[in-house]
mmCIF file of all heavy atoms, coordinates in Angstrom:
data_MODEL
# 
_entry.id   MODEL 
# 
loop_
_atom_site.group_PDB 
_atom_site.id 
_atom_site.type_symbol 
_atom_site.label_atom_id 
_atom_site.label_alt_id 
_atom_site.label_comp_id 
_atom_site.label_asym_id 
_atom_site.label_entity_id 
_atom_site.label_seq_id 
_atom_site.pdbx_PDB_ins_code 
_atom_site.Cartn_x 
_atom_site.Cartn_y 
_atom_site.Cartn_z 
_atom_site.occupancy 
_atom_site.B_iso_or_equiv 
_atom_site.pdbx_formal_charge 
_atom_site.auth_seq_id 
_atom_site.auth_comp_id 
_atom_site.auth_asym_id 
_atom_site.auth_atom_id 
_atom_site.pdbx_PDB_model_num 
ATOM 1   N N   . MET A 1 1  ? 61.937 193.540 121.500 1.00 0.00 ? 1  MET A N   1 
ATOM 2   C CA  . MET A 1 1  ? 61.101 192.395 121.157 1.00 0.00 ? 1  MET A CA  1 
ATOM 3   C C   . MET A 1 1  ? 59.730 192.830 120.639 1.00 0.00 ? 1  MET A C   1 
ATOM 4   O O   . MET A 1 1  ? 59.086 192.086 119.899 1.00 0.00 ? 1  MET A O   1 
ATOM 5   C CB  . MET A 1 1  ? 60.958 191.479 122.362 1.00 0.00 ? 1  MET A CB  1 
ATOM 6   C CG  . MET A 1 1  ? 62.258 190.779 122.740 1.00 0.00 ? 1  MET A CG  1 
ATOM 7   S SD  . MET A 1 1  ? 63.105 189.990 121.334 1.00 0.00 ? 1  MET A SD  1 
ATOM 8   C CE  . MET A 1 1  ? 61.898 188.723 120.898 1.00 0.00 ? 1  MET A CE  1 
ATOM 9   N N   . PHE A 1 2  ? 59.300 194.041 120.991 1.00 0.00 ? 2  PHE A N   1 
ATOM 10  C CA  . PHE A 1 2  ? 58.092 194.592 120.389 1.00 0.00 ? 2  PHE A CA  1 
ATOM 11  C C   . PHE A 1 2  ? 58.322 194.833 118.900 1.00 0.00 ? 2  PHE A C   1 
ATOM 12  O O   . PHE A 1 2  ? 57.466 194.540 118.062 1.00 0.00 ? 2  PHE A O   1 
ATOM 13  C CB  . PHE A 1 2  ? 57.710 195.887 121.093 1.00 0.00 ? 2  PHE A CB  1 
ATOM 14  C CG  . PHE A 1 2  ? 56.395 196.468 120.648 1.00 0.00 ? 2  PHE A CG  1 
ATOM 15  C CD1 . PHE A 1 2  ? 55.361 195.652 120.196 1.00 0.00 ? 2  PHE A CD1 1 
ATOM 16  C CD2 . PHE A 1 2  ? 56.175 197.831 120.682 1.00 0.00 ? 2  PHE A CD2 1 
ATOM 17  C CE1 . PHE A 1 2  ? 54.137 196.188 119.789 1.00 0.00 ? 2  PHE A CE1 1 
ATOM 18  C CE2 . PHE A 1 2  ? 54.967 198.384 120.282 1.00 0.00 ? 2  PHE A CE2 1 
ATOM 19  C CZ  . PHE A 1 2  ? 53.954 197.552 119.828 1.00 0.00 ? 2  PHE A CZ  1 
ATOM 20  N N   . VAL A 1 3  ? 59.517 195.343 118.563 1.00 0.00 ? 3  VAL A N   1 
ATOM 21  C CA  . VAL A 1 3  ? 59.872 195.530 117.162 1.00 0.00 ? 3  VAL A CA  1 
ATOM 22  C C   . VAL A 1 3  ? 59.917 194.191 116.439 1.00 0.00 ? 3  VAL A C   1 
ATOM 23  O O   . VAL A 1 3  ? 59.378 194.030 115.328 1.00 0.00 ? 3  VAL A O   1 
ATOM 24  C CB  . VAL A 1 3  ? 61.229 196.248 117.036 1.00 0.00 ? 3  VAL A CB  1 
ATOM 25  C CG1 . VAL A 1 3  ? 61.724 196.219 115.588 1.00 0.00 ? 3  VAL A CG1 1 
ATOM 26  C CG2 . VAL A 1 3  ? 61.132 197.686 117.528 1.00 0.00 ? 3  VAL A CG2 1 
ATOM 27  N N   . VAL A 1 4  ? 60.554 193.182 117.061 1.00 0.00 ? 4  VAL A N   1 
ATOM 28  C CA  . VAL A 1 4  ? 60.676 191.868 116.445 1.00 0.00 ? 4  VAL A CA  1 
ATOM 29  C C   . VAL A 1 4  ? 59.297 191.236 116.242 1.00 0.00 ? 4  VAL A C   1 
ATOM 30  O O   . VAL A 1 4  ? 58.964 190.769 115.143 1.00 0.00 ? 4  VAL A O   1 
ATOM 31  C CB  . VAL A 1 4  ? 61.558 190.946 117.314 1.00 0.00 ? 4  VAL A CB  1 
ATOM 32  C CG1 . VAL A 1 4  ? 61.517 189.510 116.786 1.00 0.00 ? 4  VAL A CG1 1 
ATOM 33  C CG2 . VAL A 1 4  ? 62.994 191.452 117.334 1.00 0.00 ? 4  VAL A CG2 1 
ATOM 34  N N   . ALA A 1 5  ? 58.486 191.222 117.304 1.00 0.00 ? 5  ALA A N   1 
ATOM 35  C CA  . ALA A 1 5  ? 57.158 190.596 117.213 1.00 0.00 ? 5  ALA A CA  1 
ATOM 36  C C   . ALA A 1 5  ? 56.263 191.338 116.226 1.00 0.00 ? 5  ALA A C   1 
ATOM 37  O O   . ALA A 1 5  ? 55.548 190.712 115.426 1.00 0.00 ? 5  ALA A O   1 
ATOM 38  C CB  . ALA A 1 5  ? 56.499 190.556 118.591 1.00 0.00 ? 5  ALA A CB  1 
ATOM 39  N N   . GLY A 1 6  ? 56.292 192.663 116.276 1.00 0.00 ? 6  GLY A N   1 
ATOM 40  C CA  . GLY A 1 6  ? 55.473 193.435 115.355 1.00 0.00 ? 6  GLY A CA  1 
ATOM 41  C C   . GLY A 1 6  ? 55.884 193.230 113.909 1.00 0.00 ? 6  GLY A C   1 
ATOM 42  O O   . GLY A 1 6  ? 55.034 193.087 113.019 1.00 0.00 ? 6  GLY A O   1 
ATOM 43  N N   . SER A 1 7  ? 57.197 193.212 113.656 1.00 0.00 ? 7  SER A N   1 
ATOM 44  C CA  . SER A 1 7  ? 57.682 192.998 112.292 1.00 0.00 ? 7  SER A CA  1 
ATOM 45  C C   . SER A 1 7  ? 57.253 191.637 111.763 1.00 0.00 ? 7  SER A C   1 
ATOM 46  O O   . SER A 1 7  ? 56.808 191.503 110.619 1.00 0.00 ? 7  SER A O   1 
ATOM 47  C CB  . SER A 1 7  ? 59.207 193.124 112.250 1.00 0.00 ? 7  SER A CB  1 
ATOM 48  O OG  . SER A 1 7  ? 59.630 194.403 112.657 1.00 0.00 ? 7  SER A OG  1 
ATOM 49  N N   . LEU A 1 8  ? 57.400 190.606 112.622 1.00 0.00 ? 8  LEU A N   1 
ATOM 50  C CA  . LEU A 1 8  ? 57.042 189.261 112.194 1.00 0.00 ? 8  LEU A CA  1 
ATOM 51  C C   . LEU A 1 8  ? 55.540 189.104 112.011 1.00 0.00 ? 8  LEU A C   1 
ATOM 52  O O   . LEU A 1 8  ? 55.061 188.653 110.961 1.00 0.00 ? 8  LEU A O   1 
ATOM 53  C CB  . LEU A 1 8  ? 57.554 188.238 113.216 1.00 0.00 ? 8  LEU A CB  1 
ATOM 54  C CG  . LEU A 1 8  ? 59.055 187.968 113.238 1.00 0.00 ? 8  LEU A CG  1 
ATOM 55  C CD1 . LEU A 1 8  ? 59.421 187.071 114.411 1.00 0.00 ? 8  LEU A CD1 1 
ATOM 56  C CD2 . LEU A 1 8  ? 59.506 187.324 111.935 1.00 0.00 ? 8  LEU A CD2 1 
ATOM 57  N N   . ASN A 1 9  ? 54.783 189.459 113.039 1.00 0.00 ? 9  ASN A N   1 
ATOM 58  C CA  . ASN A 1 9  ? 53.361 189.127 113.060 1.00 0.00 ? 9  ASN A CA  1 
ATOM 59  C C   . ASN A 1 9  ? 52.483 190.077 112.261 1.00 0.00 ? 9  ASN A C   1 
ATOM 60  O O   . ASN A 1 9  ? 51.402 189.677 111.795 1.00 0.00 ? 9  ASN A O   1 
ATOM 61  C CB  . ASN A 1 9  ? 52.859 189.072 114.509 1.00 0.00 ? 9  ASN A CB  1 
ATOM 62  C CG  . ASN A 1 9  ? 53.464 187.923 115.279 1.00 0.00 ? 9  ASN A CG  1 
ATOM 63  O OD1 . ASN A 1 9  ? 53.703 186.845 114.741 1.00 0.00 ? 9  ASN A OD1 1 
ATOM 64  N ND2 . ASN A 1 9  ? 53.727 188.142 116.569 1.00 0.00 ? 9  ASN A ND2 1 
ATOM 65  N N   . LEU A 1 10 ? 52.910 191.314 112.090 1.00 0.00 ? 10 LEU A N   1 
ATOM 66  C CA  . LEU A 1 10 ? 52.073 192.289 111.405 1.00 0.00 ? 10 LEU A CA  1 
ATOM 67  C C   . LEU A 1 10 ? 52.485 192.525 109.947 1.00 0.00 ? 10 LEU A C   1 
ATOM 68  O O   . LEU A 1 10 ? 51.671 193.025 109.154 1.00 0.00 ? 10 LEU A O   1 
ATOM 69  C CB  . LEU A 1 10 ? 52.094 193.619 112.161 1.00 0.00 ? 10 LEU A CB  1 
ATOM 70  C CG  . LEU A 1 10 ? 51.649 193.554 113.624 1.00 0.00 ? 10 LEU A CG  1 
ATOM 71  C CD1 . LEU A 1 10 ? 51.706 194.938 114.259 1.00 0.00 ? 10 LEU A CD1 1 
ATOM 72  C CD2 . LEU A 1 10 ? 50.256 192.963 113.756 1.00 0.00 ? 10 LEU A CD2 1 
ATOM 73  N N   . PHE A 1 11 ? 53.720 192.161 109.593 1.00 0.00 ? 11 PHE A N   1 
ATOM 74  C CA  . PHE A 1 11 ? 54.182 192.436 108.234 1.00 0.00 ? 11 PHE A CA  1 
ATOM 75  C C   . PHE A 1 11 ? 54.747 191.198 107.530 1.00 0.00 ? 11 PHE A C   1 
ATOM 76  O O   . PHE A 1 11 ? 54.362 190.893 106.402 1.00 0.00 ? 11 PHE A O   1 
ATOM 77  C CB  . PHE A 1 11 ? 55.239 193.547 108.261 1.00 0.00 ? 11 PHE A CB  1 
ATOM 78  C CG  . PHE A 1 11 ? 54.717 194.856 108.757 1.00 0.00 ? 11 PHE A CG  1 
ATOM 79  C CD1 . PHE A 1 11 ? 54.927 195.250 110.071 1.00 0.00 ? 11 PHE A CD1 1 
ATOM 80  C CD2 . PHE A 1 11 ? 53.987 195.690 107.930 1.00 0.00 ? 11 PHE A CD2 1 
ATOM 81  C CE1 . PHE A 1 11 ? 54.435 196.455 110.546 1.00 0.00 ? 11 PHE A CE1 1 
ATOM 82  C CE2 . PHE A 1 11 ? 53.488 196.901 108.385 1.00 0.00 ? 11 PHE A CE2 1 
ATOM 83  C CZ  . PHE A 1 11 ? 53.708 197.282 109.706 1.00 0.00 ? 11 PHE A CZ  1 
ATOM 84  N N   . LEU A 1 12 ? 55.662 190.473 108.178 1.00 0.00 ? 12 LEU A N   1 
ATOM 85  C CA  . LEU A 1 12 ? 56.338 189.368 107.503 1.00 0.00 ? 12 LEU A CA  1 
ATOM 86  C C   . LEU A 1 12 ? 55.469 188.123 107.405 1.00 0.00 ? 12 LEU A C   1 
ATOM 87  O O   . LEU A 1 12 ? 55.301 187.559 106.308 1.00 0.00 ? 12 LEU A O   1 
ATOM 88  C CB  . LEU A 1 12 ? 57.656 189.051 108.224 1.00 0.00 ? 12 LEU A CB  1 
ATOM 89  C CG  . LEU A 1 12 ? 58.723 190.149 108.134 1.00 0.00 ? 12 LEU A CG  1 
ATOM 90  C CD1 . LEU A 1 12 ? 59.912 189.820 109.012 1.00 0.00 ? 12 LEU A CD1 1 
ATOM 91  C CD2 . LEU A 1 12 ? 59.168 190.335 106.689 1.00 0.00 ? 12 LEU A CD2 1 
ATOM 92  N N   . TYR A 1 13 ? 54.914 187.664 108.523 1.00 0.00 ? 13 TYR A N   1 
ATOM 93  C CA  . TYR A 1 13 ? 54.094 186.463 108.457 1.00 0.00 ? 13 TYR A CA  1 
ATOM 94  C C   . TYR A 1 13 ? 52.872 186.612 107.556 1.00 0.00 ? 13 TYR A C   1 
ATOM 95  O O   . TYR A 1 13 ? 52.532 185.675 106.822 1.00 0.00 ? 13 TYR A O   1 
ATOM 96  C CB  . TYR A 1 13 ? 53.667 186.018 109.862 1.00 0.00 ? 13 TYR A CB  1 
ATOM 97  C CG  . TYR A 1 13 ? 54.713 185.192 110.569 1.00 0.00 ? 13 TYR A CG  1 
ATOM 98  C CD1 . TYR A 1 13 ? 54.911 185.290 111.937 1.00 0.00 ? 13 TYR A CD1 1 
ATOM 99  C CD2 . TYR A 1 13 ? 55.527 184.299 109.868 1.00 0.00 ? 13 TYR A CD2 1 
ATOM 100 C CE1 . TYR A 1 13 ? 55.871 184.543 112.597 1.00 0.00 ? 13 TYR A CE1 1 
ATOM 101 C CE2 . TYR A 1 13 ? 56.495 183.545 110.507 1.00 0.00 ? 13 TYR A CE2 1 
ATOM 102 C CZ  . TYR A 1 13 ? 56.661 183.666 111.871 1.00 0.00 ? 13 TYR A CZ  1 
ATOM 103 O OH  . TYR A 1 13 ? 57.613 182.924 112.506 1.00 0.00 ? 13 TYR A OH  1 
ATOM 104 N N   . PRO A 1 14 ? 52.171 187.745 107.581 1.00 0.00 ? 14 PRO A N   1 
ATOM 105 C CA  . PRO A 1 14 ? 51.063 187.886 106.623 1.00 0.00 ? 14 PRO A CA  1 
ATOM 106 C C   . PRO A 1 14 ? 51.515 187.729 105.174 1.00 0.00 ? 14 PRO A C   1 
ATOM 107 O O   . PRO A 1 14 ? 50.759 187.228 104.334 1.00 0.00 ? 14 PRO A O   1 
ATOM 108 C CB  . PRO A 1 14 ? 50.540 189.305 106.896 1.00 0.00 ? 14 PRO A CB  1 
ATOM 109 C CG  . PRO A 1 14 ? 50.855 189.536 108.342 1.00 0.00 ? 14 PRO A CG  1 
ATOM 110 C CD  . PRO A 1 14 ? 52.187 188.858 108.549 1.00 0.00 ? 14 PRO A CD  1 
ATOM 111 N N   . THR A 1 15 ? 52.752 188.140 104.872 1.00 0.00 ? 15 THR A N   1 
ATOM 112 C CA  . THR A 1 15 ? 53.290 187.944 103.518 1.00 0.00 ? 15 THR A CA  1 
ATOM 113 C C   . THR A 1 15 ? 53.597 186.480 103.260 1.00 0.00 ? 15 THR A C   1 
ATOM 114 O O   . THR A 1 15 ? 53.225 185.918 102.222 1.00 0.00 ? 15 THR A O   1 
ATOM 115 C CB  . THR A 1 15 ? 54.564 188.784 103.331 1.00 0.00 ? 15 THR A CB  1 
ATOM 116 O OG1 . THR A 1 15 ? 54.253 190.167 103.521 1.00 0.00 ? 15 THR A OG1 1 
ATOM 117 C CG2 . THR A 1 15 ? 55.139 188.587 101.932 1.00 0.00 ? 15 THR A CG2 1 
ATOM 118 N N   . PHE A 1 16 ? 54.283 185.837 104.208 1.00 0.00 ? 16 PHE A N   1 
ATOM 119 C CA  . PHE A 1 16 ? 54.652 184.429 104.038 1.00 0.00 ? 16 PHE A CA  1 
ATOM 120 C C   . PHE A 1 16 ? 53.418 183.534 103.924 1.00 0.00 ? 16 PHE A C   1 
ATOM 121 O O   . PHE A 1 16 ? 53.362 182.627 103.085 1.00 0.00 ? 16 PHE A O   1 
ATOM 122 C CB  . PHE A 1 16 ? 55.495 183.942 105.216 1.00 0.00 ? 16 PHE A CB  1 
ATOM 123 C CG  . PHE A 1 16 ? 56.770 184.709 105.440 1.00 0.00 ? 16 PHE A CG  1 
ATOM 124 C CD1 . PHE A 1 16 ? 57.360 184.754 106.703 1.00 0.00 ? 16 PHE A CD1 1 
ATOM 125 C CD2 . PHE A 1 16 ? 57.393 185.382 104.402 1.00 0.00 ? 16 PHE A CD2 1 
ATOM 126 C CE1 . PHE A 1 16 ? 58.531 185.449 106.918 1.00 0.00 ? 16 PHE A CE1 1 
ATOM 127 C CE2 . PHE A 1 16 ? 58.566 186.094 104.603 1.00 0.00 ? 16 PHE A CE2 1 
ATOM 128 C CZ  . PHE A 1 16 ? 59.138 186.127 105.879 1.00 0.00 ? 16 PHE A CZ  1 
ATOM 129 N N   . LEU A 1 17 ? 52.432 183.782 104.781 1.00 0.00 ? 17 LEU A N   1 
ATOM 130 C CA  . LEU A 1 17 ? 51.303 182.851 104.900 1.00 0.00 ? 17 LEU A CA  1 
ATOM 131 C C   . LEU A 1 17 ? 50.328 182.952 103.734 1.00 0.00 ? 17 LEU A C   1 
ATOM 132 O O   . LEU A 1 17 ? 49.421 182.126 103.608 1.00 0.00 ? 17 LEU A O   1 
ATOM 133 C CB  . LEU A 1 17 ? 50.579 183.066 106.226 1.00 0.00 ? 17 LEU A CB  1 
ATOM 134 C CG  . LEU A 1 17 ? 51.444 182.791 107.468 1.00 0.00 ? 17 LEU A CG  1 
ATOM 135 C CD1 . LEU A 1 17 ? 50.657 182.983 108.747 1.00 0.00 ? 17 LEU A CD1 1 
ATOM 136 C CD2 . LEU A 1 17 ? 52.040 181.394 107.424 1.00 0.00 ? 17 LEU A CD2 1 
ATOM 137 N N   . ARG A 1 18 ? 50.520 183.930 102.875 1.00 0.00 ? 18 ARG A N   1 
ATOM 138 C CA  . ARG A 1 18 ? 49.735 183.942 101.639 1.00 0.00 ? 18 ARG A CA  1 
ATOM 139 C C   . ARG A 1 18 ? 50.067 182.739 100.771 1.00 0.00 ? 18 ARG A C   1 
ATOM 140 O O   . ARG A 1 18 ? 49.296 182.374 99.875  1.00 0.00 ? 18 ARG A O   1 
ATOM 141 C CB  . ARG A 1 18 ? 50.015 185.223 100.845 1.00 0.00 ? 18 ARG A CB  1 
ATOM 142 C CG  . ARG A 1 18 ? 49.417 186.493 101.444 1.00 0.00 ? 18 ARG A CG  1 
ATOM 143 C CD  . ARG A 1 18 ? 49.631 187.659 100.523 1.00 0.00 ? 18 ARG A CD  1 
ATOM 144 N NE  . ARG A 1 18 ? 51.059 187.872 100.244 1.00 0.00 ? 18 ARG A NE  1 
ATOM 145 C CZ  . ARG A 1 18 ? 51.519 188.621 99.242  1.00 0.00 ? 18 ARG A CZ  1 
ATOM 146 N NH1 . ARG A 1 18 ? 50.663 189.201 98.420  1.00 0.00 ? 18 ARG A NH1 1 
ATOM 147 N NH2 . ARG A 1 18 ? 52.819 188.782 99.062  1.00 0.00 ? 18 ARG A NH2 1 
ATOM 148 N N   . TYR A 1 19 ? 51.228 182.141 101.034 1.00 0.00 ? 19 TYR A N   1 
ATOM 149 C CA  . TYR A 1 19 ? 51.660 180.987 100.247 1.00 0.00 ? 19 TYR A CA  1 
ATOM 150 C C   . TYR A 1 19 ? 51.293 179.658 100.910 1.00 0.00 ? 19 TYR A C   1 
ATOM 151 O O   . TYR A 1 19 ? 51.811 178.621 100.528 1.00 0.00 ? 19 TYR A O   1 
ATOM 152 C CB  . TYR A 1 19 ? 53.163 181.084 99.985  1.00 0.00 ? 19 TYR A CB  1 
ATOM 153 C CG  . TYR A 1 19 ? 53.494 182.309 99.164  1.00 0.00 ? 19 TYR A CG  1 
ATOM 154 C CD1 . TYR A 1 19 ? 53.877 183.496 99.774  1.00 0.00 ? 19 TYR A CD1 1 
ATOM 155 C CD2 . TYR A 1 19 ? 53.349 182.297 97.781  1.00 0.00 ? 19 TYR A CD2 1 
ATOM 156 C CE1 . TYR A 1 19 ? 54.143 184.633 99.030  1.00 0.00 ? 19 TYR A CE1 1 
ATOM 157 C CE2 . TYR A 1 19 ? 53.613 183.431 97.025  1.00 0.00 ? 19 TYR A CE2 1 
ATOM 158 C CZ  . TYR A 1 19 ? 54.004 184.592 97.651  1.00 0.00 ? 19 TYR A CZ  1 
ATOM 159 O OH  . TYR A 1 19 ? 54.255 185.722 96.895  1.00 0.00 ? 19 TYR A OH  1 
ATOM 160 N N   . GLN A 1 20 ? 50.405 179.710 101.888 1.00 0.00 ? 20 GLN A N   1 
ATOM 161 C CA  . GLN A 1 20 ? 49.730 178.503 102.345 1.00 0.00 ? 20 GLN A CA  1 
ATOM 162 C C   . GLN A 1 20 ? 48.569 178.280 101.378 1.00 0.00 ? 20 GLN A C   1 
ATOM 163 O O   . GLN A 1 20 ? 47.483 178.847 101.532 1.00 0.00 ? 20 GLN A O   1 
ATOM 164 C CB  . GLN A 1 20 ? 49.234 178.659 103.784 1.00 0.00 ? 20 GLN A CB  1 
ATOM 165 C CG  . GLN A 1 20 ? 50.366 178.730 104.788 1.00 0.00 ? 20 GLN A CG  1 
ATOM 166 C CD  . GLN A 1 20 ? 49.897 178.654 106.236 1.00 0.00 ? 20 GLN A CD  1 
ATOM 167 O OE1 . GLN A 1 20 ? 50.639 178.281 107.109 1.00 0.00 ? 20 GLN A OE1 1 
ATOM 168 N NE2 . GLN A 1 20 ? 48.649 179.012 106.485 1.00 0.00 ? 20 GLN A NE2 1 
ATOM 169 N N   . ALA A 1 21 ? 48.807 177.462 100.388 1.00 0.00 ? 21 ALA A N   1 
ATOM 170 C CA  . ALA A 1 21 ? 47.848 177.339 99.287  1.00 0.00 ? 21 ALA A CA  1 
ATOM 171 C C   . ALA A 1 21 ? 46.487 176.869 99.767  1.00 0.00 ? 21 ALA A C   1 
ATOM 172 O O   . ALA A 1 21 ? 45.448 177.290 99.243  1.00 0.00 ? 21 ALA A O   1 
ATOM 173 C CB  . ALA A 1 21 ? 48.399 176.368 98.236  1.00 0.00 ? 21 ALA A CB  1 
ATOM 174 N N   . GLY A 1 22 ? 46.469 175.994 100.770 1.00 0.00 ? 22 GLY A N   1 
ATOM 175 C CA  . GLY A 1 22 ? 45.186 175.494 101.271 1.00 0.00 ? 22 GLY A CA  1 
ATOM 176 C C   . GLY A 1 22 ? 44.334 176.600 101.849 1.00 0.00 ? 22 GLY A C   1 
ATOM 177 O O   . GLY A 1 22 ? 43.136 176.696 101.564 1.00 0.00 ? 22 GLY A O   1 
ATOM 178 N N   . MET A 1 23 ? 44.932 177.449 102.672 1.00 0.00 ? 23 MET A N   1 
ATOM 179 C CA  . MET A 1 23 ? 44.205 178.574 103.247 1.00 0.00 ? 23 MET A CA  1 
ATOM 180 C C   . MET A 1 23 ? 43.737 179.539 102.165 1.00 0.00 ? 23 MET A C   1 
ATOM 181 O O   . MET A 1 23 ? 42.577 179.987 102.169 1.00 0.00 ? 23 MET A O   1 
ATOM 182 C CB  . MET A 1 23 ? 45.103 179.299 104.243 1.00 0.00 ? 23 MET A CB  1 
ATOM 183 C CG  . MET A 1 23 ? 44.462 180.491 104.922 1.00 0.00 ? 23 MET A CG  1 
ATOM 184 S SD  . MET A 1 23 ? 45.675 181.506 105.779 1.00 0.00 ? 23 MET A SD  1 
ATOM 185 C CE  . MET A 1 23 ? 46.528 182.262 104.375 1.00 0.00 ? 23 MET A CE  1 
ATOM 186 N N   . ALA A 1 24 ? 44.621 179.868 101.217 1.00 0.00 ? 24 ALA A N   1 
ATOM 187 C CA  . ALA A 1 24 ? 44.263 180.798 100.138 1.00 0.00 ? 24 ALA A CA  1 
ATOM 188 C C   . ALA A 1 24 ? 43.130 180.229 99.284  1.00 0.00 ? 24 ALA A C   1 
ATOM 189 O O   . ALA A 1 24 ? 42.200 180.958 98.887  1.00 0.00 ? 24 ALA A O   1 
ATOM 190 C CB  . ALA A 1 24 ? 45.483 181.090 99.273  1.00 0.00 ? 24 ALA A CB  1 
ATOM 191 N N   . THR A 1 25 ? 43.189 178.935 99.003  1.00 0.00 ? 25 THR A N   1 
ATOM 192 C CA  . THR A 1 25 ? 42.142 178.306 98.191  1.00 0.00 ? 25 THR A CA  1 
ATOM 193 C C   . THR A 1 25 ? 40.822 178.265 98.946  1.00 0.00 ? 25 THR A C   1 
ATOM 194 O O   . THR A 1 25 ? 39.754 178.500 98.364  1.00 0.00 ? 25 THR A O   1 
ATOM 195 C CB  . THR A 1 25 ? 42.554 176.877 97.791  1.00 0.00 ? 25 THR A CB  1 
ATOM 196 O OG1 . THR A 1 25 ? 43.856 176.910 97.221  1.00 0.00 ? 25 THR A OG1 1 
ATOM 197 C CG2 . THR A 1 25 ? 41.583 176.288 96.781  1.00 0.00 ? 25 THR A CG2 1 
ATOM 198 N N   . ALA A 1 26 ? 40.878 177.981 100.258 1.00 0.00 ? 26 ALA A N   1 
ATOM 199 C CA  . ALA A 1 26 ? 39.655 177.963 101.062 1.00 0.00 ? 26 ALA A CA  1 
ATOM 200 C C   . ALA A 1 26 ? 39.017 179.342 101.108 1.00 0.00 ? 26 ALA A C   1 
ATOM 201 O O   . ALA A 1 26 ? 37.793 179.482 101.005 1.00 0.00 ? 26 ALA A O   1 
ATOM 202 C CB  . ALA A 1 26 ? 39.968 177.468 102.473 1.00 0.00 ? 26 ALA A CB  1 
ATOM 203 N N   . ASP A 1 27 ? 39.847 180.386 101.252 1.00 0.00 ? 27 ASP A N   1 
ATOM 204 C CA  . ASP A 1 27 ? 39.309 181.751 101.236 1.00 0.00 ? 27 ASP A CA  1 
ATOM 205 C C   . ASP A 1 27 ? 38.618 182.041 99.905  1.00 0.00 ? 27 ASP A C   1 
ATOM 206 O O   . ASP A 1 27 ? 37.557 182.688 99.867  1.00 0.00 ? 27 ASP A O   1 
ATOM 207 C CB  . ASP A 1 27 ? 40.432 182.758 101.478 1.00 0.00 ? 27 ASP A CB  1 
ATOM 208 C CG  . ASP A 1 27 ? 40.960 182.719 102.907 1.00 0.00 ? 27 ASP A CG  1 
ATOM 209 O OD1 . ASP A 1 27 ? 40.265 182.183 103.779 1.00 0.00 ? 27 ASP A OD1 1 
ATOM 210 O OD2 . ASP A 1 27 ? 42.076 183.225 103.135 1.00 0.00 ? 27 ASP A OD2 1 
ATOM 211 N N   . TYR A 1 28 ? 39.213 181.587 98.818  1.00 0.00 ? 28 TYR A N   1 
ATOM 212 C CA  . TYR A 1 28 ? 38.602 181.776 97.502  1.00 0.00 ? 28 TYR A CA  1 
ATOM 213 C C   . TYR A 1 28 ? 37.279 181.018 97.406  1.00 0.00 ? 28 TYR A C   1 
ATOM 214 O O   . TYR A 1 28 ? 36.256 181.582 96.969  1.00 0.00 ? 28 TYR A O   1 
ATOM 215 C CB  . TYR A 1 28 ? 39.569 181.295 96.419  1.00 0.00 ? 28 TYR A CB  1 
ATOM 216 C CG  . TYR A 1 28 ? 38.945 181.136 95.059  1.00 0.00 ? 28 TYR A CG  1 
ATOM 217 C CD1 . TYR A 1 28 ? 38.716 182.240 94.239  1.00 0.00 ? 28 TYR A CD1 1 
ATOM 218 C CD2 . TYR A 1 28 ? 38.563 179.872 94.588  1.00 0.00 ? 28 TYR A CD2 1 
ATOM 219 C CE1 . TYR A 1 28 ? 38.136 182.098 92.985  1.00 0.00 ? 28 TYR A CE1 1 
ATOM 220 C CE2 . TYR A 1 28 ? 37.983 179.723 93.345  1.00 0.00 ? 28 TYR A CE2 1 
ATOM 221 C CZ  . TYR A 1 28 ? 37.769 180.827 92.541  1.00 0.00 ? 28 TYR A CZ  1 
ATOM 222 O OH  . TYR A 1 28 ? 37.181 180.684 91.298  1.00 0.00 ? 28 TYR A OH  1 
ATOM 223 N N   . ALA A 1 29 ? 37.288 179.760 97.822  1.00 0.00 ? 29 ALA A N   1 
ATOM 224 C CA  . ALA A 1 29 ? 36.071 178.944 97.729  1.00 0.00 ? 29 ALA A CA  1 
ATOM 225 C C   . ALA A 1 29 ? 34.963 179.520 98.601  1.00 0.00 ? 29 ALA A C   1 
ATOM 226 O O   . ALA A 1 29 ? 33.775 179.488 98.221  1.00 0.00 ? 29 ALA A O   1 
ATOM 227 C CB  . ALA A 1 29 ? 36.376 177.502 98.139  1.00 0.00 ? 29 ALA A CB  1 
# 
């Protein structure tokens, strides 16, 4: 579960969440 959590939270979710347009736009603004 350390492998699962680390894979999700440190590598996969950061990739997925770049496509939260609101967050990305707020960071830009």
